[in-house]
Amino acid sequence: MFLMYYFYLNLFIFSCFMFSYFYYEVFMTLMMMEFMMMTLFLLLMMMVLVIKLNLLMLFYLIFVVCESVLGLTLLILLIRSYGNDNLKLMNLILW
């Protein structure tokens, strides 16, 4: 059981590292944020199953889905206005 906690914690740390590594590409940043949310969901699920609060998991998933929809909407707007998702090529003061 504790081995799974360490595994999920390592996945979260790996996704945080990849989030900082792919900082200039918006799509990869969104993917790493979703991977972080998934590992947090798995950690939270293991803790919530012990205390039997299944409704908390539903609320967490609702917020994760809303965050991902908002991120994809901003990505689509960014690609339509600038033509790519690379943040190195644009001036964010104008955005």
PDB file of N, CA and C in Angstrom:
ATOM      1  N   MET A   1       0.814  -1.192   0.000  1.00  0.00           N
ATOM      2  CA  MET A   1       0.000   0.000   0.000  1.00  0.00           C
ATOM      3  C   MET A   1       0.862   1.262   0.000  1.00  0.00           C
ATOM      4  N   PHE A   2       1.896   1.287   0.843  1.00  0.00           N
ATOM      5  CA  PHE A   2       2.765   2.453   0.897  1.00  0.00           C
ATOM      6  C   PHE A   2       3.602   2.581  -0.369  1.00  0.00           C
ATOM      7  N   LEU A   3       3.833   1.471  -1.031  1.00  0.00           N
ATOM      8  CA  LEU A   3       4.574   1.511  -2.285  1.00  0.00           C
ATOM      9  C   LEU A   3       3.804   2.286  -3.351  1.00  0.00           C
ATOM     10  N   MET A   4       2.486   2.175  -3.346  1.00  0.00           N
ATOM     11  CA  MET A   4       1.671   2.923  -4.298  1.00  0.00           C
ATOM     12  C   MET A   4       1.723   4.421  -4.026  1.00  0.00           C
ATOM     13  N   TYR A   5       1.761   4.809  -2.745  1.00  0.00           N
ATOM     14  CA  TYR A   5       1.903   6.230  -2.413  1.00  0.00           C
ATOM     15  C   TYR A   5       3.203   6.790  -2.975  1.00  0.00           C
ATOM     16  N   TYR A   6       4.279   6.061  -2.811  1.00  0.00           N
ATOM     17  CA  TYR A   6       5.564   6.516  -3.332  1.00  0.00           C
ATOM     18  C   TYR A   6       5.571   6.555  -4.846  1.00  0.00           C
ATOM     19  N   PHE A   7       4.916   5.602  -5.459  1.00  0.00           N
ATOM     20  CA  PHE A   7       4.836   5.579  -6.921  1.00  0.00           C
ATOM     21  C   PHE A   7       4.067   6.790  -7.441  1.00  0.00           C
ATOM     22  N   TYR A   8       2.911   7.081  -6.849  1.00  0.00           N
ATOM     23  CA  TYR A   8       2.123   8.234  -7.276  1.00  0.00           C
ATOM     24  C   TYR A   8       2.830   9.543  -6.957  1.00  0.00           C
ATOM     25  N   LEU A   9       3.535   9.590  -5.859  1.00  0.00           N
ATOM     26  CA  LEU A   9       4.296  10.789  -5.522  1.00  0.00           C
ATOM     27  C   LEU A   9       5.429  11.017  -6.515  1.00  0.00           C
ATOM     28  N   ASN A  10       6.080   9.943  -6.928  1.00  0.00           N
ATOM     29  CA  ASN A  10       7.122  10.060  -7.953  1.00  0.00           C
ATOM     30  C   ASN A  10       6.538  10.498  -9.295  1.00  0.00           C
ATOM     31  N   LEU A  11       5.362  10.010  -9.635  1.00  0.00           N
ATOM     32  CA  LEU A  11       4.704  10.460 -10.862  1.00  0.00           C
ATOM     33  C   LEU A  11       4.368  11.942 -10.796  1.00  0.00           C
ATOM     34  N   PHE A  12       3.930  12.410  -9.640  1.00  0.00           N
ATOM     35  CA  PHE A  12       3.619  13.820  -9.485  1.00  0.00           C
ATOM     36  C   PHE A  12       4.876  14.683  -9.611  1.00  0.00           C
ATOM     37  N   ILE A  13       5.959  14.259  -9.008  1.00  0.00           N
ATOM     38  CA  ILE A  13       7.216  15.007  -9.105  1.00  0.00           C
ATOM     39  C   ILE A  13       7.729  15.007 -10.536  1.00  0.00           C
ATOM     40  N   PHE A  14       7.598  13.888 -11.227  1.00  0.00           N
ATOM     41  CA  PHE A  14       7.999  13.812 -12.622  1.00  0.00           C
ATOM     42  C   PHE A  14       7.161  14.750 -13.487  1.00  0.00           C
ATOM     43  N   SER A  15       5.868  14.812 -13.239  1.00  0.00           N
ATOM     44  CA  SER A  15       5.016  15.700 -14.026  1.00  0.00           C
ATOM     45  C   SER A  15       5.306  17.167 -13.715  1.00  0.00           C
ATOM     46  N   CYS A  16       5.659  17.481 -12.473  1.00  0.00           N
ATOM     47  CA  CYS A  16       6.063  18.862 -12.149  1.00  0.00           C
ATOM     48  C   CYS A  16       7.346  19.228 -12.875  1.00  0.00           C
ATOM     49  N   PHE A  17       8.281  18.302 -12.947  1.00  0.00           N
ATOM     50  CA  PHE A  17       9.521  18.554 -13.682  1.00  0.00           C
ATOM     51  C   PHE A  17       9.248  18.763 -15.169  1.00  0.00           C
ATOM     52  N   MET A  18       8.408  17.930 -15.750  1.00  0.00           N
ATOM     53  CA  MET A  18       8.092  18.070 -17.172  1.00  0.00           C
ATOM     54  C   MET A  18       7.291  19.344 -17.431  1.00  0.00           C
ATOM     55  N   PHE A  19       6.471  19.760 -16.480  1.00  0.00           N
ATOM     56  CA  PHE A  19       5.735  21.018 -16.595  1.00  0.00           C
ATOM     57  C   PHE A  19       6.703  22.195 -16.692  1.00  0.00           C
ATOM     58  N   SER A  20       7.742  22.169 -15.883  1.00  0.00           N
ATOM     59  CA  SER A  20       8.714  23.264 -15.936  1.00  0.00           C
ATOM     60  C   SER A  20       9.632  23.148 -17.148  1.00  0.00           C
ATOM     61  N   TYR A  21       9.844  21.956 -17.655  1.00  0.00           N
ATOM     62  CA  TYR A  21      10.723  21.757 -18.809  1.00  0.00           C
ATOM     63  C   TYR A  21      10.054  22.224 -20.106  1.00  0.00           C
ATOM     64  N   PHE A  22       8.765  21.934 -20.270  1.00  0.00           N
ATOM     65  CA  PHE A  22       8.017  22.315 -21.472  1.00  0.00           C
ATOM     66  C   PHE A  22       7.205  23.588 -21.228  1.00  0.00           C
ATOM     67  N   TYR A  23       7.799  24.567 -20.570  1.00  0.00           N
ATOM     68  CA  TYR A  23       7.062  25.763 -20.179  1.00  0.00           C
ATOM     69  C   TYR A  23       6.622  26.602 -21.379  1.00  0.00           C
ATOM     70  N   TYR A  24       7.375  26.612 -22.454  1.00  0.00           N
ATOM     71  CA  TYR A  24       7.066  27.482 -23.581  1.00  0.00           C
ATOM     72  C   TYR A  24       6.076  26.885 -24.571  1.00  0.00           C
ATOM     73  N   GLU A  25       5.745  25.631 -24.439  1.00  0.00           N
ATOM     74  CA  GLU A  25       4.756  25.006 -25.321  1.00  0.00           C
ATOM     75  C   GLU A  25       3.466  24.807 -24.526  1.00  0.00           C
ATOM     76  N   VAL A  26       2.430  25.470 -24.956  1.00  0.00           N
ATOM     77  CA  VAL A  26       1.182  25.503 -24.181  1.00  0.00           C
ATOM     78  C   VAL A  26       0.519  24.127 -24.144  1.00  0.00           C
ATOM     79  N   PHE A  27       0.524  23.401 -25.246  1.00  0.00           N
ATOM     80  CA  PHE A  27      -0.142  22.096 -25.282  1.00  0.00           C
ATOM     81  C   PHE A  27       0.531  21.107 -24.329  1.00  0.00           C
ATOM     82  N   MET A  28       1.863  21.067 -24.334  1.00  0.00           N
ATOM     83  CA  MET A  28       2.561  20.156 -23.434  1.00  0.00           C
ATOM     84  C   MET A  28       2.383  20.583 -21.972  1.00  0.00           C
ATOM     85  N   THR A  29       2.285  21.882 -21.736  1.00  0.00           N
ATOM     86  CA  THR A  29       2.032  22.367 -20.384  1.00  0.00           C
ATOM     87  C   THR A  29       0.659  21.912 -19.905  1.00  0.00           C
ATOM     88  N   LEU A  30      -0.331  22.008 -20.782  1.00  0.00           N
ATOM     89  CA  LEU A  30      -1.672  21.535 -20.411  1.00  0.00           C
ATOM     90  C   LEU A  30      -1.693  20.033 -20.173  1.00  0.00           C
ATOM     91  N   MET A  31      -0.952  19.290 -20.987  1.00  0.00           N
ATOM     92  CA  MET A  31      -0.898  17.838 -20.795  1.00  0.00           C
ATOM     93  C   MET A  31      -0.253  17.478 -19.463  1.00  0.00           C
ATOM     94  N   MET A  32       0.809  18.175 -19.100  1.00  0.00           N
ATOM     95  CA  MET A  32       1.464  17.890 -17.826  1.00  0.00           C
ATOM     96  C   MET A  32       0.596  18.310 -16.643  1.00  0.00           C
ATOM     97  N   MET A  33      -0.180  19.382 -16.812  1.00  0.00           N
ATOM     98  CA  MET A  33      -1.107  19.761 -15.744  1.00  0.00           C
ATOM     99  C   MET A  33      -2.185  18.694 -15.549  1.00  0.00           C
ATOM    100  N   GLU A  34      -2.669  18.133 -16.644  1.00  0.00           N
ATOM    101  CA  GLU A  34      -3.655  17.054 -16.536  1.00  0.00           C
ATOM    102  C   GLU A  34      -3.035  15.804 -15.911  1.00  0.00           C
ATOM    103  N   PHE A  35      -1.781  15.543 -16.219  1.00  0.00           N
ATOM    104  CA  PHE A  35      -1.095  14.398 -15.609  1.00  0.00           C
ATOM    105  C   PHE A  35      -0.920  14.627 -14.108  1.00  0.00           C
ATOM    106  N   MET A  36      -0.629  15.866 -13.713  1.00  0.00           N
ATOM    107  CA  MET A  36      -0.541  16.179 -12.284  1.00  0.00           C
ATOM    108  C   MET A  36      -1.885  15.990 -11.606  1.00  0.00           C
ATOM    109  N   MET A  37      -2.951  16.423 -12.265  1.00  0.00           N
ATOM    110  CA  MET A  37      -4.280  16.262 -11.684  1.00  0.00           C
ATOM    111  C   MET A  37      -4.660  14.791 -11.569  1.00  0.00           C
ATOM    112  N   MET A  38      -4.234  13.985 -12.538  1.00  0.00           N
ATOM    113  CA  MET A  38      -4.537  12.555 -12.479  1.00  0.00           C
ATOM    114  C   MET A  38      -3.794  11.878 -11.328  1.00  0.00           C
ATOM    115  N   THR A  39      -2.536  12.231 -11.134  1.00  0.00           N
ATOM    116  CA  THR A  39      -1.801  11.617 -10.023  1.00  0.00           C
ATOM    117  C   THR A  39      -2.343  12.098  -8.677  1.00  0.00           C
ATOM    118  N   LEU A  40      -2.745  13.366  -8.607  1.00  0.00           N
ATOM    119  CA  LEU A  40      -3.376  13.831  -7.370  1.00  0.00           C
ATOM    120  C   LEU A  40      -4.710  13.139  -7.130  1.00  0.00           C
ATOM    121  N   PHE A  41      -5.428  12.862  -8.209  1.00  0.00           N
ATOM    122  CA  PHE A  41      -6.685  12.121  -8.086  1.00  0.00           C
ATOM    123  C   PHE A  41      -6.445  10.717  -7.539  1.00  0.00           C
ATOM    124  N   LEU A  42      -5.411  10.058  -8.030  1.00  0.00           N
ATOM    125  CA  LEU A  42      -5.121   8.710  -7.544  1.00  0.00           C
ATOM    126  C   LEU A  42      -4.682   8.724  -6.079  1.00  0.00           C
ATOM    127  N   LEU A  43      -3.868   9.711  -5.704  1.00  0.00           N
ATOM    128  CA  LEU A  43      -3.483   9.834  -4.293  1.00  0.00           C
ATOM    129  C   LEU A  43      -4.693  10.129  -3.417  1.00  0.00           C
ATOM    130  N   LEU A  44      -5.524  11.039  -3.874  1.00  0.00           N
ATOM    131  CA  LEU A  44      -6.717  11.394  -3.112  1.00  0.00           C
ATOM    132  C   LEU A  44      -7.687  10.222  -3.021  1.00  0.00           C
ATOM    133  N   MET A  45      -7.783   9.451  -4.076  1.00  0.00           N
ATOM    134  CA  MET A  45      -8.686   8.304  -4.066  1.00  0.00           C
ATOM    135  C   MET A  45      -8.235   7.261  -3.045  1.00  0.00           C
ATOM    136  N   MET A  46      -6.927   7.061  -2.956  1.00  0.00           N
ATOM    137  CA  MET A  46      -6.443   6.084  -1.972  1.00  0.00           C
ATOM    138  C   MET A  46      -6.725   6.555  -0.543  1.00  0.00           C
ATOM    139  N   MET A  47      -6.660   7.872  -0.311  1.00  0.00           N
ATOM    140  CA  MET A  47      -6.930   8.391   1.027  1.00  0.00           C
ATOM    141  C   MET A  47      -8.422   8.442   1.330  1.00  0.00           C
ATOM    142  N   VAL A  48      -9.224   8.751   0.323  1.00  0.00           N
ATOM    143  CA  VAL A  48     -10.666   8.896   0.535  1.00  0.00           C
ATOM    144  C   VAL A  48     -11.339   7.543   0.725  1.00  0.00           C
ATOM    145  N   LEU A  49     -10.817   6.517   0.108  1.00  0.00           N
ATOM    146  CA  LEU A  49     -11.424   5.199   0.292  1.00  0.00           C
ATOM    147  C   LEU A  49     -11.342   4.724   1.731  1.00  0.00           C
ATOM    148  N   VAL A  50     -10.366   5.223   2.459  1.00  0.00           N
ATOM    149  CA  VAL A  50     -10.234   4.838   3.864  1.00  0.00           C
ATOM    150  C   VAL A  50     -11.331   5.482   4.704  1.00  0.00           C
ATOM    151  N   ILE A  51     -11.663   6.749   4.406  1.00  0.00           N
ATOM    152  CA  ILE A  51     -12.649   7.456   5.239  1.00  0.00           C
ATOM    153  C   ILE A  51     -14.033   7.533   4.597  1.00  0.00           C
ATOM    154  N   LYS A  52     -14.224   6.918   3.454  1.00  0.00           N
ATOM    155  CA  LYS A  52     -15.536   6.765   2.801  1.00  0.00           C
ATOM    156  C   LYS A  52     -16.202   8.089   2.430  1.00  0.00           C
ATOM    157  N   LEU A  53     -15.461   8.994   1.799  1.00  0.00           N
ATOM    158  CA  LEU A  53     -16.036  10.247   1.303  1.00  0.00           C
ATOM    159  C   LEU A  53     -15.980  10.256  -0.225  1.00  0.00           C
ATOM    160  N   ASN A  54     -16.883   9.523  -0.826  1.00  0.00           N
ATOM    161  CA  ASN A  54     -16.879   9.391  -2.280  1.00  0.00           C
ATOM    162  C   ASN A  54     -17.371  10.647  -2.982  1.00  0.00           C
ATOM    163  N   LEU A  55     -18.174  11.457  -2.313  1.00  0.00           N
ATOM    164  CA  LEU A  55     -18.680  12.686  -2.911  1.00  0.00           C
ATOM    165  C   LEU A  55     -17.553  13.691  -3.149  1.00  0.00           C
ATOM    166  N   LEU A  56     -16.536  13.659  -2.327  1.00  0.00           N
ATOM    167  CA  LEU A  56     -15.379  14.528  -2.498  1.00  0.00           C
ATOM    168  C   LEU A  56     -14.670  14.241  -3.819  1.00  0.00           C
ATOM    169  N   MET A  57     -14.633  12.994  -4.204  1.00  0.00           N
ATOM    170  CA  MET A  57     -13.992  12.625  -5.477  1.00  0.00           C
ATOM    171  C   MET A  57     -14.776  13.187  -6.662  1.00  0.00           C
ATOM    172  N   LEU A  58     -16.083  13.208  -6.552  1.00  0.00           N
ATOM    173  CA  LEU A  58     -16.913  13.765  -7.614  1.00  0.00           C
ATOM    174  C   LEU A  58     -16.676  15.259  -7.772  1.00  0.00           C
ATOM    175  N   PHE A  59     -16.587  15.970  -6.670  1.00  0.00           N
ATOM    176  CA  PHE A  59     -16.294  17.400  -6.733  1.00  0.00           C
ATOM    177  C   PHE A  59     -14.923  17.658  -7.338  1.00  0.00           C
ATOM    178  N   TYR A  60     -13.947  16.855  -6.965  1.00  0.00           N
ATOM    179  CA  TYR A  60     -12.599  17.010  -7.520  1.00  0.00           C
ATOM    180  C   TYR A  60     -12.602  16.788  -9.027  1.00  0.00           C
ATOM    181  N   LEU A  61     -13.281  15.764  -9.478  1.00  0.00           N
ATOM    182  CA  LEU A  61     -13.331  15.490 -10.922  1.00  0.00           C
ATOM    183  C   LEU A  61     -14.057  16.584 -11.684  1.00  0.00           C
ATOM    184  N   ILE A  62     -15.078  17.185 -11.099  1.00  0.00           N
ATOM    185  CA  ILE A  62     -15.783  18.291 -11.753  1.00  0.00           C
ATOM    186  C   ILE A  62     -14.851  19.470 -11.954  1.00  0.00           C
ATOM    187  N   PHE A  63     -14.064  19.815 -10.941  1.00  0.00           N
ATOM    188  CA  PHE A  63     -13.132  20.932 -11.073  1.00  0.00           C
ATOM    189  C   PHE A  63     -12.005  20.628 -12.052  1.00  0.00           C
ATOM    190  N   VAL A  64     -11.557  19.386 -12.101  1.00  0.00           N
ATOM    191  CA  VAL A  64     -10.502  19.015 -13.059  1.00  0.00           C
ATOM    192  C   VAL A  64     -11.018  19.119 -14.492  1.00  0.00           C
ATOM    193  N   VAL A  65     -12.231  18.688 -14.723  1.00  0.00           N
ATOM    194  CA  VAL A  65     -12.804  18.775 -16.067  1.00  0.00           C
ATOM    195  C   VAL A  65     -13.008  20.231 -16.475  1.00  0.00           C
ATOM    196  N   CYS A  66     -13.475  21.057 -15.559  1.00  0.00           N
ATOM    197  CA  CYS A  66     -13.653  22.488 -15.874  1.00  0.00           C
ATOM    198  C   CYS A  66     -12.317  23.147 -16.176  1.00  0.00           C
ATOM    199  N   GLU A  67     -11.278  22.782 -15.447  1.00  0.00           N
ATOM    200  CA  GLU A  67      -9.942  23.330 -15.695  1.00  0.00           C
ATOM    201  C   GLU A  67      -9.415  22.903 -17.059  1.00  0.00           C
ATOM    202  N   SER A  68      -9.640  21.660 -17.427  1.00  0.00           N
ATOM    203  CA  SER A  68      -9.142  21.188 -18.719  1.00  0.00           C
ATOM    204  C   SER A  68      -9.908  21.824 -19.881  1.00  0.00           C
ATOM    205  N   VAL A  69     -11.202  22.022 -19.731  1.00  0.00           N
ATOM    206  CA  VAL A  69     -11.984  22.677 -20.787  1.00  0.00           C
ATOM    207  C   VAL A  69     -11.548  24.121 -20.960  1.00  0.00           C
ATOM    208  N   LEU A  70     -11.311  24.810 -19.868  1.00  0.00           N
ATOM    209  CA  LEU A  70     -10.839  26.187 -19.938  1.00  0.00           C
ATOM    210  C   LEU A  70      -9.455  26.266 -20.588  1.00  0.00           C
ATOM    211  N   GLY A  71      -8.579  25.350 -20.252  1.00  0.00           N
ATOM    212  CA  GLY A  71      -7.249  25.328 -20.859  1.00  0.00           C
ATOM    213  C   GLY A  71      -7.292  25.048 -22.347  1.00  0.00           C
ATOM    214  N   LEU A  72      -8.113  24.101 -22.767  1.00  0.00           N
ATOM    215  CA  LEU A  72      -8.216  23.800 -24.195  1.00  0.00           C
ATOM    216  C   LEU A  72      -8.859  24.946 -24.965  1.00  0.00           C
ATOM    217  N   THR A  73      -9.801  25.643 -24.345  1.00  0.00           N
ATOM    218  CA  THR A  73     -10.405  26.808 -24.994  1.00  0.00           C
ATOM    219  C   THR A  73      -9.374  27.909 -25.207  1.00  0.00           C
ATOM    220  N   LEU A  74      -8.567  28.161 -24.194  1.00  0.00           N
ATOM    221  CA  LEU A  74      -7.510  29.162 -24.349  1.00  0.00           C
ATOM    222  C   LEU A  74      -6.468  28.734 -25.381  1.00  0.00           C
ATOM    223  N   LEU A  75      -6.199  27.438 -25.450  1.00  0.00           N
ATOM    224  CA  LEU A  75      -5.260  26.943 -26.457  1.00  0.00           C
ATOM    225  C   LEU A  75      -5.806  27.141 -27.865  1.00  0.00           C
ATOM    226  N   ILE A  76      -7.073  26.887 -28.066  1.00  0.00           N
ATOM    227  CA  ILE A  76      -7.683  27.087 -29.385  1.00  0.00           C
ATOM    228  C   ILE A  76      -7.667  28.556 -29.768  1.00  0.00           C
ATOM    229  N   LEU A  77      -7.990  29.438 -28.817  1.00  0.00           N
ATOM    230  CA  LEU A  77      -7.932  30.870 -29.099  1.00  0.00           C
ATOM    231  C   LEU A  77      -6.510  31.322 -29.416  1.00  0.00           C
ATOM    232  N   LEU A  78      -5.544  30.777 -28.732  1.00  0.00           N
ATOM    233  CA  LEU A  78      -4.143  31.120 -28.970  1.00  0.00           C
ATOM    234  C   LEU A  78      -3.685  30.664 -30.343  1.00  0.00           C
ATOM    235  N   ILE A  79      -4.052  29.475 -30.737  1.00  0.00           N
ATOM    236  CA  ILE A  79      -3.640  28.950 -32.043  1.00  0.00           C
ATOM    237  C   ILE A  79      -4.344  29.699 -33.164  1.00  0.00           C
ATOM    238  N   ARG A  80      -5.611  30.033 -32.971  1.00  0.00           N
ATOM    239  CA  ARG A  80      -6.316  30.780 -34.021  1.00  0.00           C
ATOM    240  C   ARG A  80      -5.782  32.193 -34.187  1.00  0.00           C
ATOM    241  N   SER A  81      -5.331  32.813 -33.113  1.00  0.00           N
ATOM    242  CA  SER A  81      -4.872  34.192 -33.237  1.00  0.00           C
ATOM    243  C   SER A  81      -3.407  34.292 -33.627  1.00  0.00           C
ATOM    244  N   TYR A  82      -2.552  33.363 -33.178  1.00  0.00           N
ATOM    245  CA  TYR A  82      -1.125  33.454 -33.466  1.00  0.00           C
ATOM    246  C   TYR A  82      -0.604  32.378 -34.407  1.00  0.00           C
ATOM    247  N   GLY A  83      -1.327  31.323 -34.612  1.00  0.00           N
ATOM    248  CA  GLY A  83      -0.913  30.294 -35.559  1.00  0.00           C
ATOM    249  C   GLY A  83      -0.124  29.154 -34.949  1.00  0.00           C
ATOM    250  N   ASN A  84       0.367  29.286 -33.727  1.00  0.00           N
ATOM    251  CA  ASN A  84       1.070  28.191 -33.062  1.00  0.00           C
ATOM    252  C   ASN A  84       0.890  28.314 -31.554  1.00  0.00           C
ATOM    253  N   ASP A  85       1.422  27.346 -30.831  1.00  0.00           N
ATOM    254  CA  ASP A  85       1.284  27.380 -29.374  1.00  0.00           C
ATOM    255  C   ASP A  85       2.619  27.591 -28.681  1.00  0.00           C
ATOM    256  N   ASN A  86       3.574  28.135 -29.385  1.00  0.00           N
ATOM    257  CA  ASN A  86       4.895  28.369 -28.822  1.00  0.00           C
ATOM    258  C   ASN A  86       4.937  29.764 -28.198  1.00  0.00           C
ATOM    259  N   LEU A  87       5.202  29.846 -26.918  1.00  0.00           N
ATOM    260  CA  LEU A  87       5.185  31.123 -26.223  1.00  0.00           C
ATOM    261  C   LEU A  87       6.458  31.930 -26.431  1.00  0.00           C
ATOM    262  N   LYS A  88       7.504  31.320 -26.976  1.00  0.00           N
ATOM    263  CA  LYS A  88       8.750  32.063 -27.200  1.00  0.00           C
ATOM    264  C   LYS A  88       8.592  33.080 -28.314  1.00  0.00           C
ATOM    265  N   LEU A  89       7.688  32.843 -29.250  1.00  0.00           N
ATOM    266  CA  LEU A  89       7.561  33.679 -30.433  1.00  0.00           C
ATOM    267  C   LEU A  89       6.584  34.828 -30.280  1.00  0.00           C
ATOM    268  N   MET A  90       5.943  34.943 -29.131  1.00  0.00           N
ATOM    269  CA  MET A  90       4.935  35.994 -28.986  1.00  0.00           C
ATOM    270  C   MET A  90       5.253  36.909 -27.814  1.00  0.00           C
ATOM    271  N   ASN A  91       4.751  38.102 -27.899  1.00  0.00           N
ATOM    272  CA  ASN A  91       4.902  39.074 -26.840  1.00  0.00           C
ATOM    273  C   ASN A  91       3.633  39.037 -25.999  1.00  0.00           C
ATOM    274  N   LEU A  92       3.740  38.659 -24.740  1.00  0.00           N
ATOM    275  CA  LEU A  92       2.557  38.511 -23.896  1.00  0.00           C
ATOM    276  C   LEU A  92       1.974  39.831 -23.438  1.00  0.00           C
ATOM    277  N   ILE A  93       2.708  40.924 -23.634  1.00  0.00           N
ATOM    278  CA  ILE A  93       2.159  42.226 -23.293  1.00  0.00           C
ATOM    279  C   ILE A  93       1.025  42.585 -24.267  1.00  0.00           C
ATOM    280  N   LEU A  94       1.139  42.145 -25.495  1.00  0.00           N
ATOM    281  CA  LEU A  94       0.117  42.426 -26.499  1.00  0.00           C
ATOM    282  C   LEU A  94      -1.089  41.492 -26.382  1.00  0.00           C
ATOM    283  N   TRP A  95      -1.000  40.417 -25.633  1.00  0.00           N
ATOM    284  CA  TRP A  95      -2.051  39.417 -25.559  1.00  0.00           C
ATOM    285  C   TRP A  95      -3.032  39.792 -24.570  1.00  0.00           C
TER     286      TRP A  95
END
